[in-house]
Structures are given as C-alpha cells and as structure tokens.
Amino acid sequence: RGRERERRRERKCVLLFSAPRSTHEQIAPLLWSRIAEDKAKTVDIHKSVSEQIKRNFAKKMWKKAFTMHNAVSRMQKLISASSLEGGPAE
C-alpha cells in the first residue's frame, strides 16, 4: 500500500502543469530511501559500469579514427586534383 502511494507521488512529478506536481523536497527522500533499501546494498555495478566505459571508449576511438581516415582521404583527393590541374606542386 505504501508503494502505491509512492508511485502516485512520483507520477505527479512528471505532470505538465505545476499545480498538482510534487516538489523536489517531497520526492527526494522517497527516492533515496527506495535506492537505499532496495538496490544499493545488494547490487554490485562495478563490472557492468566498467564494461560500458570500455565500450564507450572503443566507440569513441573508432569514430575518431574513421573521421581522421576520411579527412586524410579528402586531402589526398584535393592534392591529386590540384596536381592534375597544374596547381602548385609540393
């Protein structure tokens, strides 16, 4: 019964109009107590967080390498096009 009351309060937080919306001061203690009693003591998130960080880093580096490859390819095309047109040689 207490859970349903908390959920109704949380739903009020996402309402468009501010009149029925709960304030941060009303909701924060509920959320922190739920985190403390339900998850924080039993869940070890180190493995999943470190895996996600590694994936994000790999994705970032791949995008960076791909962008650099495209930039170098475009520069090479510009250089070869300018040399064919009789532009200044390097």
C-alpha atoms as a PDB file:
ATOM      1  CA  ARG A   1       0.000   0.000   0.000  1.00  0.00           C
ATOM      2  CA  GLY A   2       2.850   2.367   0.791  1.00  0.00           C
ATOM      3  CA  ARG A   3       4.495   1.530  -2.551  1.00  0.00           C
ATOM      4  CA  GLU A   4       1.384   2.555  -4.478  1.00  0.00           C
ATOM      5  CA  ARG A   5       1.299   5.875  -2.638  1.00  0.00           C
ATOM      6  CA  GLU A   6       4.958   6.478  -3.548  1.00  0.00           C
ATOM      7  CA  ARG A   7       4.286   5.665  -7.191  1.00  0.00           C
ATOM      8  CA  ARG A   8       1.379   8.104  -7.303  1.00  0.00           C
ATOM      9  CA  ARG A   9       3.633  10.800  -5.877  1.00  0.00           C
ATOM     10  CA  GLU A  10       6.306  10.027  -8.464  1.00  0.00           C
ATOM     11  CA  ARG A  11       3.752  10.267 -11.279  1.00  0.00           C
ATOM     12  CA  LYS A  12       2.840  13.728 -10.018  1.00  0.00           C
ATOM     13  CA  CYS A  13       6.441  14.802 -10.658  1.00  0.00           C
ATOM     14  CA  VAL A  14       6.109  14.324 -14.390  1.00  0.00           C
ATOM     15  CA  LEU A  15       2.881  16.248 -14.819  1.00  0.00           C
ATOM     16  CA  LEU A  16       2.860  19.084 -17.309  1.00  0.00           C
ATOM     17  CA  PHE A  17       1.059  21.584 -15.115  1.00  0.00           C
ATOM     18  CA  SER A  18       2.796  22.620 -11.922  1.00  0.00           C
ATOM     19  CA  ALA A  19      -0.252  22.833  -9.612  1.00  0.00           C
ATOM     20  CA  PRO A  20      -0.614  19.074  -8.879  1.00  0.00           C
ATOM     21  CA  ARG A  21       3.119  18.402  -9.252  1.00  0.00           C
ATOM     22  CA  SER A  22       5.089  17.414  -6.159  1.00  0.00           C
ATOM     23  CA  THR A  23       8.193  19.364  -5.240  1.00  0.00           C
ATOM     24  CA  HIS A  24      11.725  18.062  -5.116  1.00  0.00           C
ATOM     25  CA  GLU A  25      11.701  18.258  -1.321  1.00  0.00           C
ATOM     26  CA  GLN A  26       8.681  15.947  -1.190  1.00  0.00           C
ATOM     27  CA  ILE A  27      10.027  13.349  -3.621  1.00  0.00           C
ATOM     28  CA  ALA A  28      13.775  13.186  -2.908  1.00  0.00           C
ATOM     29  CA  PRO A  29      13.525  11.377   0.447  1.00  0.00           C
ATOM     30  CA  LEU A  30      11.258   8.745  -1.106  1.00  0.00           C
ATOM     31  CA  LEU A  31      13.621   8.069  -3.984  1.00  0.00           C
ATOM     32  CA  TRP A  32      16.711   7.897  -1.800  1.00  0.00           C
ATOM     33  CA  SER A  33      15.005   5.586   0.682  1.00  0.00           C
ATOM     34  CA  ARG A  34      13.963   3.265  -2.148  1.00  0.00           C
ATOM     35  CA  ILE A  35      17.501   3.212  -3.506  1.00  0.00           C
ATOM     36  CA  ALA A  36      18.919   2.519  -0.062  1.00  0.00           C
ATOM     37  CA  GLU A  37      16.516  -0.262   0.853  1.00  0.00           C
ATOM     38  CA  ASP A  38      16.144  -1.993  -2.499  1.00  0.00           C
ATOM     39  CA  LYS A  39      19.278  -1.848  -4.552  1.00  0.00           C
ATOM     40  CA  ALA A  40      22.324  -0.187  -3.060  1.00  0.00           C
ATOM     41  CA  LYS A  41      23.151  -2.906  -0.557  1.00  0.00           C
ATOM     42  CA  THR A  42      22.768  -5.886  -2.880  1.00  0.00           C
ATOM     43  CA  VAL A  43      23.831  -4.826  -6.378  1.00  0.00           C
ATOM     44  CA  ASP A  44      27.452  -4.684  -7.472  1.00  0.00           C
ATOM     45  CA  ILE A  45      27.575  -2.443 -10.534  1.00  0.00           C
ATOM     46  CA  HIS A  46      31.354  -2.282 -10.967  1.00  0.00           C
ATOM     47  CA  LYS A  47      31.516  -4.926 -13.705  1.00  0.00           C
ATOM     48  CA  SER A  48      28.686  -3.531 -15.822  1.00  0.00           C
ATOM     49  CA  VAL A  49      29.874   0.065 -15.422  1.00  0.00           C
ATOM     50  CA  SER A  50      33.460  -0.770 -16.354  1.00  0.00           C
ATOM     51  CA  GLU A  51      32.271  -2.738 -19.408  1.00  0.00           C
ATOM     52  CA  GLN A  52      30.110   0.190 -20.510  1.00  0.00           C
ATOM     53  CA  ILE A  53      33.021   2.620 -20.083  1.00  0.00           C
ATOM     54  CA  LYS A  54      35.243   0.350 -22.190  1.00  0.00           C
ATOM     55  CA  ARG A  55      32.590   0.086 -24.917  1.00  0.00           C
ATOM     56  CA  ASN A  56      32.075   3.841 -24.969  1.00  0.00           C
ATOM     57  CA  PHE A  57      35.824   4.450 -25.161  1.00  0.00           C
ATOM     58  CA  ALA A  58      36.233   1.944 -28.010  1.00  0.00           C
ATOM     59  CA  LYS A  59      33.328   3.502 -29.900  1.00  0.00           C
ATOM     60  CA  LYS A  60      34.758   6.985 -29.409  1.00  0.00           C
ATOM     61  CA  MET A  61      38.192   5.924 -30.657  1.00  0.00           C
ATOM     62  CA  TRP A  62      36.695   4.125 -33.671  1.00  0.00           C
ATOM     63  CA  LYS A  63      34.724   7.234 -34.637  1.00  0.00           C
ATOM     64  CA  LYS A  64      37.847   9.354 -34.230  1.00  0.00           C
ATOM     65  CA  ALA A  65      39.898   7.005 -36.433  1.00  0.00           C
ATOM     66  CA  PHE A  66      37.151   6.887 -39.064  1.00  0.00           C
ATOM     67  CA  THR A  67      36.904  10.684 -39.131  1.00  0.00           C
ATOM     68  CA  MET A  68      40.677  11.020 -39.460  1.00  0.00           C
ATOM     69  CA  HIS A  69      40.725   8.480 -42.314  1.00  0.00           C
ATOM     70  CA  ASN A  70      38.013  10.429 -44.143  1.00  0.00           C
ATOM     71  CA  ALA A  71      39.865  13.710 -43.624  1.00  0.00           C
ATOM     72  CA  VAL A  72      43.149  12.273 -44.949  1.00  0.00           C
ATOM     73  CA  SER A  73      41.366  10.736 -47.941  1.00  0.00           C
ATOM     74  CA  ARG A  74      39.751  14.060 -48.805  1.00  0.00           C
ATOM     75  CA  MET A  75      43.068  15.889 -48.514  1.00  0.00           C
ATOM     76  CA  GLN A  76      44.740  13.330 -50.776  1.00  0.00           C
ATOM     77  CA  LYS A  77      41.972  13.749 -53.354  1.00  0.00           C
ATOM     78  CA  LEU A  78      42.350  17.536 -53.204  1.00  0.00           C
ATOM     79  CA  ILE A  79      46.113  17.281 -53.646  1.00  0.00           C
ATOM     80  CA  SER A  80      45.834  14.879 -56.566  1.00  0.00           C
ATOM     81  CA  ALA A  81      43.115  17.004 -58.187  1.00  0.00           C
ATOM     82  CA  SER A  82      45.190  20.167 -57.849  1.00  0.00           C
ATOM     83  CA  SER A  83      48.293  18.476 -59.268  1.00  0.00           C
ATOM     84  CA  LEU A  84      46.303  17.256 -62.277  1.00  0.00           C
ATOM     85  CA  GLU A  85      45.038  20.789 -62.894  1.00  0.00           C
ATOM     86  CA  GLY A  86      48.555  22.144 -62.833  1.00  0.00           C
ATOM     87  CA  GLY A  87      48.343  23.699 -59.406  1.00  0.00           C
ATOM     88  CA  PRO A  88      51.328  24.360 -57.182  1.00  0.00           C
ATOM     89  CA  ALA A  89      53.391  21.238 -56.537  1.00  0.00           C
ATOM     90  CA  GLU A  90      54.634  20.359 -53.098  1.00  0.00           C
END
